Amino acid sequence: PVSPDTVGGDPMGLPYSTFDHSRAHYFRYDEHVSLCLEKLSSSKDKSKAMLQQKYVRCSVRAQIRHLRRVLCHRLGLSLQHVQILFDNEPLPDHMTMKQLWLSRWFGKPAPLLLHYSIKDKRR
């Protein structure tokens, strides 16, 4: 007897009885990390843009460069004006959230706290 899964249907006549990964969103079933993005406080830039929602949940495969792009889009700034920091240290664009979590936040409670700074446009 041939099982319905091998012929691409089920007894009810539905096209797929098992999950079709080729049609799925690439990051949907990834592990996720919760982040808190806070503006690095400075005495001179109080008037600059701040995020409406500072909490983000993203895939552990997301990179700092992806976070910067989202941040720039939300703040309406160009990419070269925003920097993401951890303990006042700029993070490299290629670092993933999993690398960041394991190397700098392992064992601490969620959310992972990151800061962002906005560089002056005159520089």
PDB file of N, CA and C in Angstrom:
ATOM      1  N   PRO A   1       0.828  -1.200   0.000  1.00  0.00           N
ATOM      2  CA  PRO A   1       0.000   0.000   0.000  1.00  0.00           C
ATOM      3  C   PRO A   1       0.865   1.253   0.000  1.00  0.00           C
ATOM      4  N   VAL A   2       0.487   2.233  -0.762  1.00  0.00           N
ATOM      5  CA  VAL A   2       1.205   3.499  -0.854  1.00  0.00           C
ATOM      6  C   VAL A   2       0.610   4.464   0.158  1.00  0.00           C
ATOM      7  N   SER A   3       1.473   5.092   0.943  1.00  0.00           N
ATOM      8  CA  SER A   3       0.977   6.049   1.945  1.00  0.00           C
ATOM      9  C   SER A   3       0.608   7.360   1.263  1.00  0.00           C
ATOM     10  N   PRO A   4      -0.376   8.111   1.784  1.00  0.00           N
ATOM     11  CA  PRO A   4      -0.776   9.384   1.169  1.00  0.00           C
ATOM     12  C   PRO A   4       0.344  10.419   1.155  1.00  0.00           C
ATOM     13  N   ASP A   5       1.291  10.316   2.123  1.00  0.00           N
ATOM     14  CA  ASP A   5       2.390  11.292   2.174  1.00  0.00           C
ATOM     15  C   ASP A   5       3.324  11.148   0.979  1.00  0.00           C
ATOM     16  N   THR A   6       3.444   9.952   0.441  1.00  0.00           N
ATOM     17  CA  THR A   6       4.382   9.757  -0.664  1.00  0.00           C
ATOM     18  C   THR A   6       3.825  10.253  -1.985  1.00  0.00           C
ATOM     19  N   VAL A   7       2.523  10.384  -2.103  1.00  0.00           N
ATOM     20  CA  VAL A   7       1.951  10.855  -3.350  1.00  0.00           C
ATOM     21  C   VAL A   7       1.562  12.328  -3.295  1.00  0.00           C
ATOM     22  N   GLY A   8       1.828  12.998  -2.190  1.00  0.00           N
ATOM     23  CA  GLY A   8       1.581  14.438  -2.112  1.00  0.00           C
ATOM     24  C   GLY A   8       0.164  14.805  -1.730  1.00  0.00           C
ATOM     25  N   GLY A   9      -0.584  13.903  -1.141  1.00  0.00           N
ATOM     26  CA  GLY A   9      -1.938  14.223  -0.707  1.00  0.00           C
ATOM     27  C   GLY A   9      -2.283  13.446   0.542  1.00  0.00           C
ATOM     28  N   ASP A  10      -3.455  13.687   1.068  1.00  0.00           N
ATOM     29  CA  ASP A  10      -3.914  12.927   2.214  1.00  0.00           C
ATOM     30  C   ASP A  10      -5.319  12.415   1.925  1.00  0.00           C
ATOM     31  N   PRO A  11      -5.878  11.559   2.786  1.00  0.00           N
ATOM     32  CA  PRO A  11      -7.204  11.004   2.518  1.00  0.00           C
ATOM     33  C   PRO A  11      -8.292  12.068   2.382  1.00  0.00           C
ATOM     34  N   MET A  12      -8.100  13.246   2.957  1.00  0.00           N
ATOM     35  CA  MET A  12      -9.097  14.307   2.891  1.00  0.00           C
ATOM     36  C   MET A  12      -8.996  15.101   1.589  1.00  0.00           C
ATOM     37  N   GLY A  13      -7.968  14.836   0.796  1.00  0.00           N
ATOM     38  CA  GLY A  13      -7.812  15.522  -0.466  1.00  0.00           C
ATOM     39  C   GLY A  13      -7.023  16.822  -0.365  1.00  0.00           C
ATOM     40  N   LEU A  14      -6.405  17.079   0.794  1.00  0.00           N
ATOM     41  CA  LEU A  14      -5.591  18.287   0.955  1.00  0.00           C
ATOM     42  C   LEU A  14      -4.259  18.090   0.257  1.00  0.00           C
ATOM     43  N   PRO A  15      -3.679  19.158  -0.308  1.00  0.00           N
ATOM     44  CA  PRO A  15      -2.462  18.992  -1.108  1.00  0.00           C
ATOM     45  C   PRO A  15      -1.240  18.542  -0.322  1.00  0.00           C
ATOM     46  N   TYR A  16      -1.084  18.962   0.935  1.00  0.00           N
ATOM     47  CA  TYR A  16       0.101  18.599   1.713  1.00  0.00           C
ATOM     48  C   TYR A  16      -0.323  18.154   3.101  1.00  0.00           C
ATOM     49  N   SER A  17       0.121  16.981   3.494  1.00  0.00           N
ATOM     50  CA  SER A  17      -0.171  16.531   4.852  1.00  0.00           C
ATOM     51  C   SER A  17       1.030  16.754   5.763  1.00  0.00           C
ATOM     52  N   THR A  18       2.187  17.019   5.192  1.00  0.00           N
ATOM     53  CA  THR A  18       3.376  17.350   5.976  1.00  0.00           C
ATOM     54  C   THR A  18       3.773  18.775   5.652  1.00  0.00           C
ATOM     55  N   PHE A  19       4.572  19.372   6.508  1.00  0.00           N
ATOM     56  CA  PHE A  19       4.963  20.771   6.332  1.00  0.00           C
ATOM     57  C   PHE A  19       5.891  20.919   5.141  1.00  0.00           C
ATOM     58  N   ASP A  20       5.613  21.873   4.285  1.00  0.00           N
ATOM     59  CA  ASP A  20       6.415  22.134   3.097  1.00  0.00           C
ATOM     60  C   ASP A  20       7.399  23.263   3.403  1.00  0.00           C
ATOM     61  N   HIS A  21       8.650  22.917   3.702  1.00  0.00           N
ATOM     62  CA  HIS A  21       9.655  23.910   4.095  1.00  0.00           C
ATOM     63  C   HIS A  21      10.044  24.846   2.948  1.00  0.00           C
ATOM     64  N   SER A  22       9.836  24.447   1.724  1.00  0.00           N
ATOM     65  CA  SER A  22      10.222  25.293   0.598  1.00  0.00           C
ATOM     66  C   SER A  22       9.350  26.545   0.506  1.00  0.00           C
ATOM     67  N   ARG A  23       8.179  26.517   1.120  1.00  0.00           N
ATOM     68  CA  ARG A  23       7.281  27.669   1.075  1.00  0.00           C
ATOM     69  C   ARG A  23       7.266  28.454   2.378  1.00  0.00           C
ATOM     70  N   ALA A  24       8.106  28.089   3.314  1.00  0.00           N
ATOM     71  CA  ALA A  24       8.117  28.716   4.636  1.00  0.00           C
ATOM     72  C   ALA A  24       9.012  29.945   4.659  1.00  0.00           C
ATOM     73  N   HIS A  25       8.749  30.809   5.600  1.00  0.00           N
ATOM     74  CA  HIS A  25       9.617  31.961   5.824  1.00  0.00           C
ATOM     75  C   HIS A  25      10.946  31.449   6.371  1.00  0.00           C
ATOM     76  N   TYR A  26      12.036  32.006   5.890  1.00  0.00           N
ATOM     77  CA  TYR A  26      13.372  31.491   6.184  1.00  0.00           C
ATOM     78  C   TYR A  26      13.707  31.489   7.683  1.00  0.00           C
ATOM     79  N   PHE A  27      13.344  32.549   8.419  1.00  0.00           N
ATOM     80  CA  PHE A  27      13.725  32.664   9.824  1.00  0.00           C
ATOM     81  C   PHE A  27      12.595  32.313  10.786  1.00  0.00           C
ATOM     82  N   ARG A  28      11.471  31.854  10.297  1.00  0.00           N
ATOM     83  CA  ARG A  28      10.291  31.668  11.135  1.00  0.00           C
ATOM     84  C   ARG A  28      10.524  30.729  12.323  1.00  0.00           C
ATOM     85  N   TYR A  29      11.221  29.641  12.122  1.00  0.00           N
ATOM     86  CA  TYR A  29      11.381  28.650  13.184  1.00  0.00           C
ATOM     87  C   TYR A  29      12.732  28.739  13.891  1.00  0.00           C
ATOM     88  N   ASP A  30      13.414  29.855  13.726  1.00  0.00           N
ATOM     89  CA  ASP A  30      14.678  30.081  14.426  1.00  0.00           C
ATOM     90  C   ASP A  30      14.446  30.331  15.907  1.00  0.00           C
ATOM     91  N   GLU A  31      15.502  30.170  16.655  1.00  0.00           N
ATOM     92  CA  GLU A  31      15.527  30.593  18.046  1.00  0.00           C
ATOM     93  C   GLU A  31      15.490  32.127  18.035  1.00  0.00           C
ATOM     94  N   HIS A  32      14.876  32.747  19.028  1.00  0.00           N
ATOM     95  CA  HIS A  32      14.769  34.203  19.066  1.00  0.00           C
ATOM     96  C   HIS A  32      15.475  34.778  20.276  1.00  0.00           C
ATOM     97  N   VAL A  33      15.810  36.051  20.175  1.00  0.00           N
ATOM     98  CA  VAL A  33      16.432  36.777  21.276  1.00  0.00           C
ATOM     99  C   VAL A  33      15.655  38.083  21.466  1.00  0.00           C
ATOM    100  N   SER A  34      15.505  38.485  22.715  1.00  0.00           N
ATOM    101  CA  SER A  34      14.821  39.737  23.035  1.00  0.00           C
ATOM    102  C   SER A  34      15.869  40.801  23.334  1.00  0.00           C
ATOM    103  N   LEU A  35      15.688  41.972  22.733  1.00  0.00           N
ATOM    104  CA  LEU A  35      16.640  43.070  22.883  1.00  0.00           C
ATOM    105  C   LEU A  35      15.942  44.310  23.422  1.00  0.00           C
ATOM    106  N   CYS A  36      16.692  45.123  24.110  1.00  0.00           N
ATOM    107  CA  CYS A  36      16.230  46.437  24.519  1.00  0.00           C
ATOM    108  C   CYS A  36      17.221  47.442  23.941  1.00  0.00           C
ATOM    109  N   LEU A  37      16.748  48.327  23.077  1.00  0.00           N
ATOM    110  CA  LEU A  37      17.600  49.335  22.442  1.00  0.00           C
ATOM    111  C   LEU A  37      17.367  50.678  23.113  1.00  0.00           C
ATOM    112  N   GLU A  38      18.359  51.150  23.810  1.00  0.00           N
ATOM    113  CA  GLU A  38      18.256  52.445  24.473  1.00  0.00           C
ATOM    114  C   GLU A  38      19.254  53.415  23.867  1.00  0.00           C
ATOM    115  N   LYS A  39      18.853  54.654  23.812  1.00  0.00           N
ATOM    116  CA  LYS A  39      19.721  55.693  23.270  1.00  0.00           C
ATOM    117  C   LYS A  39      20.821  55.990  24.276  1.00  0.00           C
ATOM    118  N   LEU A  40      22.049  56.069  23.808  1.00  0.00           N
ATOM    119  CA  LEU A  40      23.171  56.409  24.663  1.00  0.00           C
ATOM    120  C   LEU A  40      23.011  57.864  25.060  1.00  0.00           C
ATOM    121  N   SER A  41      22.869  58.099  26.336  1.00  0.00           N
ATOM    122  CA  SER A  41      22.591  59.464  26.786  1.00  0.00           C
ATOM    123  C   SER A  41      23.834  60.336  26.701  1.00  0.00           C
ATOM    124  N   SER A  42      23.608  61.521  26.216  1.00  0.00           N
ATOM    125  CA  SER A  42      24.660  62.516  26.093  1.00  0.00           C
ATOM    126  C   SER A  42      24.039  63.863  26.421  1.00  0.00           C
ATOM    127  N   SER A  43      24.810  64.728  27.010  1.00  0.00           N
ATOM    128  CA  SER A  43      24.263  66.018  27.432  1.00  0.00           C
ATOM    129  C   SER A  43      23.916  66.919  26.254  1.00  0.00           C
ATOM    130  N   LYS A  44      24.588  66.755  25.119  1.00  0.00           N
ATOM    131  CA  LYS A  44      24.377  67.680  24.005  1.00  0.00           C
ATOM    132  C   LYS A  44      23.312  67.243  23.002  1.00  0.00           C
ATOM    133  N   ASP A  45      22.902  65.957  22.996  1.00  0.00           N
ATOM    134  CA  ASP A  45      21.976  65.524  21.956  1.00  0.00           C
ATOM    135  C   ASP A  45      20.607  65.109  22.493  1.00  0.00           C
ATOM    136  N   LYS A  46      20.060  65.852  23.388  1.00  0.00           N
ATOM    137  CA  LYS A  46      18.748  65.535  23.943  1.00  0.00           C
ATOM    138  C   LYS A  46      17.628  65.723  22.932  1.00  0.00           C
ATOM    139  N   SER A  47      17.812  66.569  21.944  1.00  0.00           N
ATOM    140  CA  SER A  47      16.762  66.857  20.973  1.00  0.00           C
ATOM    141  C   SER A  47      16.707  65.843  19.832  1.00  0.00           C
ATOM    142  N   LYS A  48      17.684  64.954  19.739  1.00  0.00           N
ATOM    143  CA  LYS A  48      17.731  64.006  18.626  1.00  0.00           C
ATOM    144  C   LYS A  48      16.704  62.902  18.808  1.00  0.00           C
ATOM    145  N   ALA A  49      16.420  62.212  17.735  1.00  0.00           N
ATOM    146  CA  ALA A  49      15.356  61.203  17.678  1.00  0.00           C
ATOM    147  C   ALA A  49      15.575  60.063  18.661  1.00  0.00           C
ATOM    148  N   MET A  50      14.443  59.583  19.189  1.00  0.00           N
ATOM    149  CA  MET A  50      14.444  58.408  20.058  1.00  0.00           C
ATOM    150  C   MET A  50      13.406  57.424  19.534  1.00  0.00           C
ATOM    151  N   LEU A  51      13.584  56.165  19.828  1.00  0.00           N
ATOM    152  CA  LEU A  51      12.659  55.131  19.380  1.00  0.00           C
ATOM    153  C   LEU A  51      11.348  55.190  20.153  1.00  0.00           C
ATOM    154  N   GLN A  52      10.254  54.925  19.461  1.00  0.00           N
ATOM    155  CA  GLN A  52       8.956  54.814  20.111  1.00  0.00           C
ATOM    156  C   GLN A  52       8.873  53.498  20.891  1.00  0.00           C
ATOM    157  N   GLN A  53       9.306  52.416  20.262  1.00  0.00           N
ATOM    158  CA  GLN A  53       9.340  51.111  20.916  1.00  0.00           C
ATOM    159  C   GLN A  53      10.784  50.650  20.994  1.00  0.00           C
ATOM    160  N   LYS A  54      11.269  50.485  22.212  1.00  0.00           N
ATOM    161  CA  LYS A  54      12.679  50.136  22.369  1.00  0.00           C
ATOM    162  C   LYS A  54      12.923  48.631  22.508  1.00  0.00           C
ATOM    163  N   TYR A  55      11.862  47.838  22.566  1.00  0.00           N
ATOM    164  CA  TYR A  55      12.023  46.392  22.688  1.00  0.00           C
ATOM    165  C   TYR A  55      11.854  45.720  21.331  1.00  0.00           C
ATOM    166  N   VAL A  56      12.777  44.800  21.035  1.00  0.00           N
ATOM    167  CA  VAL A  56      12.797  44.108  19.742  1.00  0.00           C
ATOM    168  C   VAL A  56      12.989  42.625  20.006  1.00  0.00           C
ATOM    169  N   ARG A  57      12.308  41.812  19.227  1.00  0.00           N
ATOM    170  CA  ARG A  57      12.508  40.359  19.266  1.00  0.00           C
ATOM    171  C   ARG A  57      12.904  39.945  17.860  1.00  0.00           C
ATOM    172  N   CYS A  58      14.036  39.283  17.750  1.00  0.00           N
ATOM    173  CA  CYS A  58      14.520  38.915  16.419  1.00  0.00           C
ATOM    174  C   CYS A  58      15.185  37.546  16.448  1.00  0.00           C
ATOM    175  N   SER A  59      15.473  37.038  15.268  1.00  0.00           N
ATOM    176  CA  SER A  59      16.144  35.762  15.113  1.00  0.00           C
ATOM    177  C   SER A  59      17.572  35.860  15.650  1.00  0.00           C
ATOM    178  N   VAL A  60      18.086  34.746  16.162  1.00  0.00           N
ATOM    179  CA  VAL A  60      19.470  34.734  16.628  1.00  0.00           C
ATOM    180  C   VAL A  60      20.442  34.844  15.457  1.00  0.00           C
ATOM    181  N   ARG A  61      19.943  34.612  14.230  1.00  0.00           N
ATOM    182  CA  ARG A  61      20.792  34.747  13.051  1.00  0.00           C
ATOM    183  C   ARG A  61      20.881  36.181  12.534  1.00  0.00           C
ATOM    184  N   ALA A  62      20.062  37.074  13.064  1.00  0.00           N
ATOM    185  CA  ALA A  62      20.124  38.482  12.644  1.00  0.00           C
ATOM    186  C   ALA A  62      21.478  39.057  13.044  1.00  0.00           C
ATOM    187  N   GLN A  63      21.973  39.954  12.223  1.00  0.00           N
ATOM    188  CA  GLN A  63      23.266  40.579  12.482  1.00  0.00           C
ATOM    189  C   GLN A  63      23.083  42.021  12.934  1.00  0.00           C
ATOM    190  N   ILE A  64      24.146  42.573  13.481  1.00  0.00           N
ATOM    191  CA  ILE A  64      24.129  43.965  13.933  1.00  0.00           C
ATOM    192  C   ILE A  64      23.773  44.883  12.768  1.00  0.00           C
ATOM    193  N   ARG A  65      24.243  44.576  11.582  1.00  0.00           N
ATOM    194  CA  ARG A  65      23.931  45.423  10.423  1.00  0.00           C
ATOM    195  C   ARG A  65      22.440  45.446  10.134  1.00  0.00           C
ATOM    196  N   HIS A  66      21.728  44.334  10.361  1.00  0.00           N
ATOM    197  CA  HIS A  66      20.277  44.299  10.174  1.00  0.00           C
ATOM    198  C   HIS A  66      19.598  45.201  11.210  1.00  0.00           C
ATOM    199  N   LEU A  67      20.081  45.118  12.429  1.00  0.00           N
ATOM    200  CA  LEU A  67      19.528  45.946  13.506  1.00  0.00           C
ATOM    201  C   LEU A  67      19.756  47.424  13.227  1.00  0.00           C
ATOM    202  N   ARG A  68      20.940  47.754  12.715  1.00  0.00           N
ATOM    203  CA  ARG A  68      21.239  49.151  12.364  1.00  0.00           C
ATOM    204  C   ARG A  68      20.308  49.661  11.269  1.00  0.00           C
ATOM    205  N   ARG A  69      20.051  48.822  10.276  1.00  0.00           N
ATOM    206  CA  ARG A  69      19.160  49.226   9.179  1.00  0.00           C
ATOM    207  C   ARG A  69      17.750  49.501   9.680  1.00  0.00           C
ATOM    208  N   VAL A  70      17.250  48.631  10.536  1.00  0.00           N
ATOM    209  CA  VAL A  70      15.916  48.825  11.105  1.00  0.00           C
ATOM    210  C   VAL A  70      15.884  50.099  11.937  1.00  0.00           C
ATOM    211  N   LEU A  71      16.912  50.287  12.732  1.00  0.00           N
ATOM    212  CA  LEU A  71      17.015  51.476  13.579  1.00  0.00           C
ATOM    213  C   LEU A  71      17.054  52.749  12.741  1.00  0.00           C
ATOM    214  N   CYS A  72      17.844  52.747  11.697  1.00  0.00           N
ATOM    215  CA  CYS A  72      17.931  53.912  10.810  1.00  0.00           C
ATOM    216  C   CYS A  72      16.595  54.198  10.138  1.00  0.00           C
ATOM    217  N   HIS A  73      15.927  53.139   9.727  1.00  0.00           N
ATOM    218  CA  HIS A  73      14.620  53.307   9.087  1.00  0.00           C
ATOM    219  C   HIS A  73      13.614  53.922  10.060  1.00  0.00           C
ATOM    220  N   ARG A  74      13.598  53.430  11.287  1.00  0.00           N
ATOM    221  CA  ARG A  74      12.653  53.937  12.288  1.00  0.00           C
ATOM    222  C   ARG A  74      12.957  55.370  12.716  1.00  0.00           C
ATOM    223  N   LEU A  75      14.233  55.716  12.724  1.00  0.00           N
ATOM    224  CA  LEU A  75      14.620  57.066  13.146  1.00  0.00           C
ATOM    225  C   LEU A  75      14.691  58.046  11.983  1.00  0.00           C
ATOM    226  N   GLY A  76      14.639  57.538  10.760  1.00  0.00           N
ATOM    227  CA  GLY A  76      14.712  58.404   9.586  1.00  0.00           C
ATOM    228  C   GLY A  76      16.096  58.984   9.362  1.00  0.00           C
ATOM    229  N   LEU A  77      17.110  58.185   9.646  1.00  0.00           N
ATOM    230  CA  LEU A  77      18.501  58.628   9.492  1.00  0.00           C
ATOM    231  C   LEU A  77      19.221  57.740   8.490  1.00  0.00           C
ATOM    232  N   SER A  78      20.359  58.216   7.995  1.00  0.00           N
ATOM    233  CA  SER A  78      21.158  57.380   7.101  1.00  0.00           C
ATOM    234  C   SER A  78      22.041  56.452   7.929  1.00  0.00           C
ATOM    235  N   LEU A  79      22.479  55.377   7.291  1.00  0.00           N
ATOM    236  CA  LEU A  79      23.204  54.310   7.981  1.00  0.00           C
ATOM    237  C   LEU A  79      24.487  54.768   8.656  1.00  0.00           C
ATOM    238  N   GLN A  80      25.176  55.720   8.058  1.00  0.00           N
ATOM    239  CA  GLN A  80      26.464  56.138   8.637  1.00  0.00           C
ATOM    240  C   GLN A  80      26.306  56.976   9.904  1.00  0.00           C
ATOM    241  N   HIS A  81      25.084  57.379  10.250  1.00  0.00           N
ATOM    242  CA  HIS A  81      24.885  58.218  11.434  1.00  0.00           C
ATOM    243  C   HIS A  81      24.508  57.440  12.683  1.00  0.00           C
ATOM    244  N   VAL A  82      24.284  56.129  12.573  1.00  0.00           N
ATOM    245  CA  VAL A  82      23.850  55.325  13.714  1.00  0.00           C
ATOM    246  C   VAL A  82      24.879  54.243  14.013  1.00  0.00           C
ATOM    247  N   GLN A  83      25.149  54.070  15.305  1.00  0.00           N
ATOM    248  CA  GLN A  83      26.108  53.072  15.751  1.00  0.00           C
ATOM    249  C   GLN A  83      25.478  52.294  16.904  1.00  0.00           C
ATOM    250  N   ILE A  84      25.671  50.985  16.949  1.00  0.00           N
ATOM    251  CA  ILE A  84      25.143  50.161  18.033  1.00  0.00           C
ATOM    252  C   ILE A  84      26.308  49.749  18.923  1.00  0.00           C
ATOM    253  N   LEU A  85      26.081  49.894  20.241  1.00  0.00           N
ATOM    254  CA  LEU A  85      27.141  49.671  21.214  1.00  0.00           C
ATOM    255  C   LEU A  85      26.711  48.699  22.309  1.00  0.00           C
ATOM    256  N   PHE A  86      27.693  48.017  22.870  1.00  0.00           N
ATOM    257  CA  PHE A  86      27.493  47.212  24.070  1.00  0.00           C
ATOM    258  C   PHE A  86      28.578  47.634  25.047  1.00  0.00           C
ATOM    259  N   ASP A  87      28.202  48.106  26.212  1.00  0.00           N
ATOM    260  CA  ASP A  87      29.144  48.636  27.213  1.00  0.00           C
ATOM    261  C   ASP A  87      30.069  49.690  26.609  1.00  0.00           C
ATOM    262  N   ASN A  88      29.491  50.620  25.874  1.00  0.00           N
ATOM    263  CA  ASN A  88      30.201  51.723  25.215  1.00  0.00           C
ATOM    264  C   ASN A  88      31.230  51.267  24.189  1.00  0.00           C
ATOM    265  N   GLU A  89      31.116  50.036  23.720  1.00  0.00           N
ATOM    266  CA  GLU A  89      32.021  49.508  22.701  1.00  0.00           C
ATOM    267  C   GLU A  89      31.212  49.259  21.421  1.00  0.00           C
ATOM    268  N   PRO A  90      31.632  49.857  20.301  1.00  0.00           N
ATOM    269  CA  PRO A  90      30.906  49.637  19.039  1.00  0.00           C
ATOM    270  C   PRO A  90      30.955  48.169  18.630  1.00  0.00           C
ATOM    271  N   LEU A  91      29.838  47.669  18.143  1.00  0.00           N
ATOM    272  CA  LEU A  91      29.756  46.269  17.728  1.00  0.00           C
ATOM    273  C   LEU A  91      29.971  46.153  16.222  1.00  0.00           C
ATOM    274  N   PRO A  92      30.684  45.113  15.773  1.00  0.00           N
ATOM    275  CA  PRO A  92      30.907  44.936  14.332  1.00  0.00           C
ATOM    276  C   PRO A  92      29.621  44.527  13.624  1.00  0.00           C
ATOM    277  N   ASP A  93      29.452  44.990  12.410  1.00  0.00           N
ATOM    278  CA  ASP A  93      28.243  44.731  11.630  1.00  0.00           C
ATOM    279  C   ASP A  93      27.989  43.248  11.375  1.00  0.00           C
ATOM    280  N   HIS A  94      29.036  42.446  11.283  1.00  0.00           N
ATOM    281  CA  HIS A  94      28.885  41.032  10.943  1.00  0.00           C
ATOM    282  C   HIS A  94      28.522  40.151  12.135  1.00  0.00           C
ATOM    283  N   MET A  95      28.532  40.676  13.351  1.00  0.00           N
ATOM    284  CA  MET A  95      28.238  39.883  14.540  1.00  0.00           C
ATOM    285  C   MET A  95      26.753  39.520  14.594  1.00  0.00           C
ATOM    286  N   THR A  96      26.469  38.233  14.867  1.00  0.00           N
ATOM    287  CA  THR A  96      25.078  37.797  14.974  1.00  0.00           C
ATOM    288  C   THR A  96      24.593  37.979  16.410  1.00  0.00           C
ATOM    289  N   MET A  97      23.274  37.942  16.567  1.00  0.00           N
ATOM    290  CA  MET A  97      22.692  38.083  17.899  1.00  0.00           C
ATOM    291  C   MET A  97      23.077  36.907  18.796  1.00  0.00           C
ATOM    292  N   LYS A  98      23.218  35.731  18.214  1.00  0.00           N
ATOM    293  CA  LYS A  98      23.628  34.569  19.007  1.00  0.00           C
ATOM    294  C   LYS A  98      25.058  34.729  19.502  1.00  0.00           C
ATOM    295  N   GLN A  99      25.966  35.204  18.640  1.00  0.00           N
ATOM    296  CA  GLN A  99      27.345  35.448  19.060  1.00  0.00           C
ATOM    297  C   GLN A  99      27.380  36.480  20.184  1.00  0.00           C
ATOM    298  N   LEU A 100      26.610  37.530  20.026  1.00  0.00           N
ATOM    299  CA  LEU A 100      26.555  38.595  21.026  1.00  0.00           C
ATOM    300  C   LEU A 100      26.010  38.063  22.342  1.00  0.00           C
ATOM    301  N   TRP A 101      24.920  37.321  22.279  1.00  0.00           N
ATOM    302  CA  TRP A 101      24.301  36.786  23.490  1.00  0.00           C
ATOM    303  C   TRP A 101      25.259  35.844  24.218  1.00  0.00           C
ATOM    304  N   LEU A 102      25.883  34.932  23.477  1.00  0.00           N
ATOM    305  CA  LEU A 102      26.766  33.952  24.114  1.00  0.00           C
ATOM    306  C   LEU A 102      28.054  34.566  24.644  1.00  0.00           C
ATOM    307  N   SER A 103      28.585  35.556  23.955  1.00  0.00           N
ATOM    308  CA  SER A 103      29.869  36.126  24.380  1.00  0.00           C
ATOM    309  C   SER A 103      29.739  37.216  25.435  1.00  0.00           C
ATOM    310  N   ARG A 104      28.597  37.893  25.500  1.00  0.00           N
ATOM    311  CA  ARG A 104      28.517  39.051  26.401  1.00  0.00           C
ATOM    312  C   ARG A 104      27.316  39.069  27.329  1.00  0.00           C
ATOM    313  N   TRP A 105      26.328  38.195  27.116  1.00  0.00           N
ATOM    314  CA  TRP A 105      25.120  38.286  27.930  1.00  0.00           C
ATOM    315  C   TRP A 105      24.712  36.934  28.508  1.00  0.00           C
ATOM    316  N   PHE A 106      25.478  35.891  28.302  1.00  0.00           N
ATOM    317  CA  PHE A 106      25.112  34.544  28.741  1.00  0.00           C
ATOM    318  C   PHE A 106      24.934  34.505  30.255  1.00  0.00           C
ATOM    319  N   GLY A 107      23.836  33.925  30.700  1.00  0.00           N
ATOM    320  CA  GLY A 107      23.565  33.790  32.122  1.00  0.00           C
ATOM    321  C   GLY A 107      22.822  34.969  32.727  1.00  0.00           C
ATOM    322  N   LYS A 108      22.644  36.028  31.965  1.00  0.00           N
ATOM    323  CA  LYS A 108      21.911  37.197  32.450  1.00  0.00           C
ATOM    324  C   LYS A 108      20.470  37.120  31.952  1.00  0.00           C
ATOM    325  N   PRO A 109      19.560  37.775  32.646  1.00  0.00           N
ATOM    326  CA  PRO A 109      18.156  37.709  32.209  1.00  0.00           C
ATOM    327  C   PRO A 109      17.896  38.525  30.944  1.00  0.00           C
ATOM    328  N   ALA A 110      16.887  38.078  30.194  1.00  0.00           N
ATOM    329  CA  ALA A 110      16.466  38.828  28.994  1.00  0.00           C
ATOM    330  C   ALA A 110      15.754  40.092  29.446  1.00  0.00           C
ATOM    331  N   PRO A 111      15.757  41.131  28.688  1.00  0.00           N
ATOM    332  CA  PRO A 111      16.305  41.311  27.351  1.00  0.00           C
ATOM    333  C   PRO A 111      17.766  41.748  27.379  1.00  0.00           C
ATOM    334  N   LEU A 112      18.451  41.471  26.300  1.00  0.00           N
ATOM    335  CA  LEU A 112      19.824  41.904  26.092  1.00  0.00           C
ATOM    336  C   LEU A 112      19.809  43.419  25.886  1.00  0.00           C
ATOM    337  N   LEU A 113      20.564  44.142  26.676  1.00  0.00           N
ATOM    338  CA  LEU A 113      20.569  45.606  26.619  1.00  0.00           C
ATOM    339  C   LEU A 113      21.659  46.119  25.682  1.00  0.00           C
ATOM    340  N   LEU A 114      21.228  46.827  24.650  1.00  0.00           N
ATOM    341  CA  LEU A 114      22.141  47.457  23.694  1.00  0.00           C
ATOM    342  C   LEU A 114      21.856  48.948  23.677  1.00  0.00           C
ATOM    343  N   HIS A 115      22.867  49.718  23.360  1.00  0.00           N
ATOM    344  CA  HIS A 115      22.707  51.165  23.224  1.00  0.00           C
ATOM    345  C   HIS A 115      22.983  51.556  21.777  1.00  0.00           C
ATOM    346  N   TYR A 116      22.387  52.649  21.376  1.00  0.00           N
ATOM    347  CA  TYR A 116      22.693  53.190  20.057  1.00  0.00           C
ATOM    348  C   TYR A 116      23.059  54.647  20.216  1.00  0.00           C
ATOM    349  N   SER A 117      23.955  55.095  19.360  1.00  0.00           N
ATOM    350  CA  SER A 117      24.334  56.498  19.372  1.00  0.00           C
ATOM    351  C   SER A 117      24.118  57.064  17.980  1.00  0.00           C
ATOM    352  N   ILE A 118      23.814  58.329  17.955  1.00  0.00           N
ATOM    353  CA  ILE A 118      23.600  59.022  16.694  1.00  0.00           C
ATOM    354  C   ILE A 118      24.760  59.997  16.514  1.00  0.00           C
ATOM    355  N   LYS A 119      25.518  59.758  15.479  1.00  0.00           N
ATOM    356  CA  LYS A 119      26.665  60.623  15.193  1.00  0.00           C
ATOM    357  C   LYS A 119      26.184  61.942  14.628  1.00  0.00           C
ATOM    358  N   ASP A 120      26.918  62.967  14.904  1.00  0.00           N
ATOM    359  CA  ASP A 120      26.589  64.294  14.385  1.00  0.00           C
ATOM    360  C   ASP A 120      26.735  64.301  12.872  1.00  0.00           C
ATOM    361  N   LYS A 121      25.802  64.899  12.174  1.00  0.00           N
ATOM    362  CA  LYS A 121      25.816  64.891  10.706  1.00  0.00           C
ATOM    363  C   LYS A 121      26.931  65.759  10.130  1.00  0.00           C
ATOM    364  N   ARG A 122      27.485  66.647  10.928  1.00  0.00           N
ATOM    365  CA  ARG A 122      28.555  67.543  10.426  1.00  0.00           C
ATOM    366  C   ARG A 122      29.884  66.829  10.301  1.00  0.00           C
ATOM    367  N   ARG A 123      30.075  65.696  10.994  1.00  0.00           N
ATOM    368  CA  ARG A 123      31.366  65.003  10.971  1.00  0.00           C
ATOM    369  C   ARG A 123      31.534  64.161   9.752  1.00  0.00           C
TER     370      ARG A 123
END
